[in-house]
C-alpha atoms as a PDB file:
ATOM      1  CA  UNK A   1      20.109  52.651 -18.769  1.00  0.00           C
ATOM      2  CA  UNK A   2      18.304  53.849 -21.829  1.00  0.00           C
ATOM      3  CA  UNK A   3      14.937  52.767 -23.705  1.00  0.00           C
ATOM      4  CA  UNK A   4      17.532  52.275 -26.407  1.00  0.00           C
ATOM      5  CA  UNK A   5      19.528  49.268 -24.430  1.00  0.00           C
ATOM      6  CA  UNK A   6      16.070  47.625 -23.826  1.00  0.00           C
ATOM      7  CA  UNK A   7      15.028  47.567 -27.509  1.00  0.00           C
ATOM      8  CA  UNK A   8      18.665  46.362 -28.260  1.00  0.00           C
ATOM      9  CA  UNK A   9      18.206  43.369 -26.193  1.00  0.00           C
ATOM     10  CA  UNK A  10      15.044  42.850 -27.240  1.00  0.00           C
ATOM     11  CA  UNK A  11      16.094  42.351 -30.822  1.00  0.00           C
ATOM     12  CA  UNK A  12      18.971  40.337 -29.891  1.00  0.00           C
ATOM     13  CA  UNK A  13      16.589  37.812 -28.256  1.00  0.00           C
ATOM     14  CA  UNK A  14      13.635  37.743 -31.088  1.00  0.00           C
ATOM     15  CA  UNK A  15      16.236  37.646 -33.625  1.00  0.00           C
ATOM     16  CA  UNK A  16      18.170  34.599 -32.160  1.00  0.00           C
ATOM     17  CA  UNK A  17      17.723  31.553 -34.360  1.00  0.00           C
ATOM     18  CA  UNK A  18      16.024  29.556 -32.036  1.00  0.00           C
ATOM     19  CA  UNK A  19      13.335  32.088 -31.021  1.00  0.00           C
ATOM     20  CA  UNK A  20      12.732  32.911 -34.677  1.00  0.00           C
ATOM     21  CA  UNK A  21      12.470  29.251 -35.682  1.00  0.00           C
ATOM     22  CA  UNK A  22      11.412  27.066 -32.693  1.00  0.00           C
ATOM     23  CA  UNK A  23       9.529  29.390 -30.588  1.00  0.00           C
ATOM     24  CA  UNK A  24       7.586  31.412 -32.855  1.00  0.00           C
ATOM     25  CA  UNK A  25       5.266  33.732 -32.184  1.00  0.00           C
ATOM     26  CA  UNK A  26       7.946  34.628 -28.927  1.00  0.00           C
ATOM     27  CA  UNK A  27       7.472  37.900 -27.589  1.00  0.00           C
ATOM     28  CA  UNK A  28       9.357  39.782 -24.735  1.00  0.00           C
ATOM     29  CA  UNK A  29       9.128  43.483 -22.905  1.00  0.00           C
ATOM     30  CA  UNK A  30      12.449  44.938 -21.346  1.00  0.00           C
ATOM     31  CA  UNK A  31      12.481  47.554 -18.799  1.00  0.00           C
ATOM     32  CA  UNK A  32      14.510  48.489 -15.808  1.00  0.00           C
ATOM     33  CA  UNK A  33      15.319  45.232 -13.703  1.00  0.00           C
ATOM     34  CA  UNK A  34      12.304  43.470 -15.507  1.00  0.00           C
ATOM     35  CA  UNK A  35      11.762  41.296 -18.528  1.00  0.00           C
ATOM     36  CA  UNK A  36       8.497  39.485 -19.517  1.00  0.00           C
ATOM     37  CA  UNK A  37       8.334  36.764 -22.315  1.00  0.00           C
ATOM     38  CA  UNK A  38       5.824  35.158 -23.558  1.00  0.00           C
ATOM     39  CA  UNK A  39       5.524  32.164 -25.801  1.00  0.00           C
ATOM     40  CA  UNK A  40       2.556  30.611 -27.491  1.00  0.00           C
ATOM     41  CA  UNK A  41       2.428  26.768 -26.630  1.00  0.00           C
ATOM     42  CA  UNK A  42       2.602  24.449 -29.564  1.00  0.00           C
ATOM     43  CA  UNK A  43       2.503  20.937 -29.260  1.00  0.00           C
ATOM     44  CA  UNK A  44       5.685  20.277 -30.677  1.00  0.00           C
ATOM     45  CA  UNK A  45       7.077  21.510 -27.531  1.00  0.00           C
ATOM     46  CA  UNK A  46       4.950  18.459 -25.787  1.00  0.00           C
ATOM     47  CA  UNK A  47       6.733  14.841 -24.538  1.00  0.00           C
ATOM     48  CA  UNK A  48       5.412  11.769 -24.827  1.00  0.00           C
ATOM     49  CA  UNK A  49       2.471  12.354 -22.304  1.00  0.00           C
ATOM     50  CA  UNK A  50       1.040  15.286 -24.198  1.00  0.00           C
ATOM     51  CA  UNK A  51       2.074  18.061 -21.924  1.00  0.00           C
ATOM     52  CA  UNK A  52       5.042  20.959 -22.088  1.00  0.00           C
ATOM     53  CA  UNK A  53       8.380  19.323 -21.827  1.00  0.00           C
ATOM     54  CA  UNK A  54      10.694  20.922 -18.675  1.00  0.00           C
ATOM     55  CA  UNK A  55      13.233  22.398 -21.285  1.00  0.00           C
ATOM     56  CA  UNK A  56      10.763  24.631 -22.456  1.00  0.00           C
ATOM     57  CA  UNK A  57      10.108  25.998 -18.956  1.00  0.00           C
ATOM     58  CA  UNK A  58      13.808  26.278 -17.747  1.00  0.00           C
ATOM     59  CA  UNK A  59      14.377  28.157 -21.390  1.00  0.00           C
ATOM     60  CA  UNK A  60      11.986  30.875 -20.544  1.00  0.00           C
ATOM     61  CA  UNK A  61      12.413  31.513 -16.938  1.00  0.00           C
ATOM     62  CA  UNK A  62      16.312  31.217 -17.391  1.00  0.00           C
ATOM     63  CA  UNK A  63      16.024  33.854 -20.360  1.00  0.00           C
ATOM     64  CA  UNK A  64      13.248  35.863 -18.291  1.00  0.00           C
ATOM     65  CA  UNK A  65      15.960  35.947 -15.220  1.00  0.00           C
ATOM     66  CA  UNK A  66      18.996  36.955 -17.462  1.00  0.00           C
ATOM     67  CA  UNK A  67      17.357  39.576 -19.384  1.00  0.00           C
ATOM     68  CA  UNK A  68      15.943  41.378 -16.166  1.00  0.00           C
ATOM     69  CA  UNK A  69      19.602  41.390 -15.221  1.00  0.00           C
ATOM     70  CA  UNK A  70      20.715  42.339 -18.696  1.00  0.00           C
ATOM     71  CA  UNK A  71      18.699  45.665 -18.724  1.00  0.00           C
ATOM     72  CA  UNK A  72      20.631  46.646 -15.710  1.00  0.00           C
ATOM     73  CA  UNK A  73      24.275  45.719 -17.058  1.00  0.00           C
ATOM     74  CA  UNK A  74      26.048  47.061 -20.369  1.00  0.00           C
ATOM     75  CA  UNK A  75      29.505  46.038 -19.760  1.00  0.00           C
ATOM     76  CA  UNK A  76      30.047  42.694 -18.945  1.00  0.00           C
ATOM     77  CA  UNK A  77      27.821  39.349 -20.177  1.00  0.00           C
ATOM     78  CA  UNK A  78      25.969  37.830 -17.355  1.00  0.00           C
ATOM     79  CA  UNK A  79      25.466  34.199 -16.930  1.00  0.00           C
ATOM     80  CA  UNK A  80      23.257  31.902 -14.748  1.00  0.00           C
ATOM     81  CA  UNK A  81      25.193  30.054 -12.096  1.00  0.00           C
ATOM     82  CA  UNK A  82      22.506  28.354 -10.383  1.00  0.00           C
ATOM     83  CA  UNK A  83      18.755  27.483 -10.965  1.00  0.00           C
ATOM     84  CA  UNK A  84      16.005  25.538  -9.380  1.00  0.00           C
ATOM     85  CA  UNK A  85      12.465  24.676 -10.943  1.00  0.00           C
ATOM     86  CA  UNK A  86       9.707  23.393  -9.096  1.00  0.00           C
ATOM     87  CA  UNK A  87       6.753  22.226 -11.416  1.00  0.00           C
ATOM     88  CA  UNK A  88       3.154  21.917  -9.694  1.00  0.00           C
ATOM     89  CA  UNK A  89       1.023  20.979 -13.237  1.00  0.00           C
ATOM     90  CA  UNK A  90       1.686  20.639 -16.646  1.00  0.00           C
ATOM     91  CA  UNK A  91       0.646  23.139 -19.524  1.00  0.00           C
ATOM     92  CA  UNK A  92      -1.088  21.806 -22.519  1.00  0.00           C
ATOM     93  CA  UNK A  93      -1.914  24.812 -24.691  1.00  0.00           C
ATOM     94  CA  UNK A  94      -2.540  28.709 -24.465  1.00  0.00           C
ATOM     95  CA  UNK A  95       0.486  30.979 -24.092  1.00  0.00           C
ATOM     96  CA  UNK A  96       3.202  30.836 -20.976  1.00  0.00           C
ATOM     97  CA  UNK A  97       4.180  34.152 -19.445  1.00  0.00           C
ATOM     98  CA  UNK A  98       7.622  34.496 -17.459  1.00  0.00           C
ATOM     99  CA  UNK A  99       8.618  37.542 -15.783  1.00  0.00           C
ATOM    100  CA  UNK A 100      12.267  38.150 -14.498  1.00  0.00           C
ATOM    101  CA  UNK A 101      12.674  40.943 -11.976  1.00  0.00           C
ATOM    102  CA  UNK A 102      15.275  42.454  -9.925  1.00  0.00           C
ATOM    103  CA  UNK A 103      14.155  43.939  -6.599  1.00  0.00           C
END
C-alpha cells in the first residue's frame, strides 16, 4: 500500500459530515495495518448521567478497526460483521484515543 492510499483514507474520514459537524476536532493517522483516531470529548456527547454515551465509544472503535483493515485493502469495501465492547469506566472530558491494528 502506498502513503497516498493512507492519505486518501484520512481525507475520506475527515471529510465525512459527521466528523466535520458533530465530532469536531477529530484527527486520524493511518499507516499500514494501523489507524489511530483522537476525538476531543464534548459535553454534547454526554448522556443523562453526564458521561460519554456508548455510541461514541462504538463509533470510534468501529472506525479505527475499519481504517486499519482498509489500509491493507484497495479493491473491496470492508464491513464490520461483529463487534463487542466492554466498558470499564465512563469518560467525561479530555481526548479519547482509539487505535486499530492488524497483527
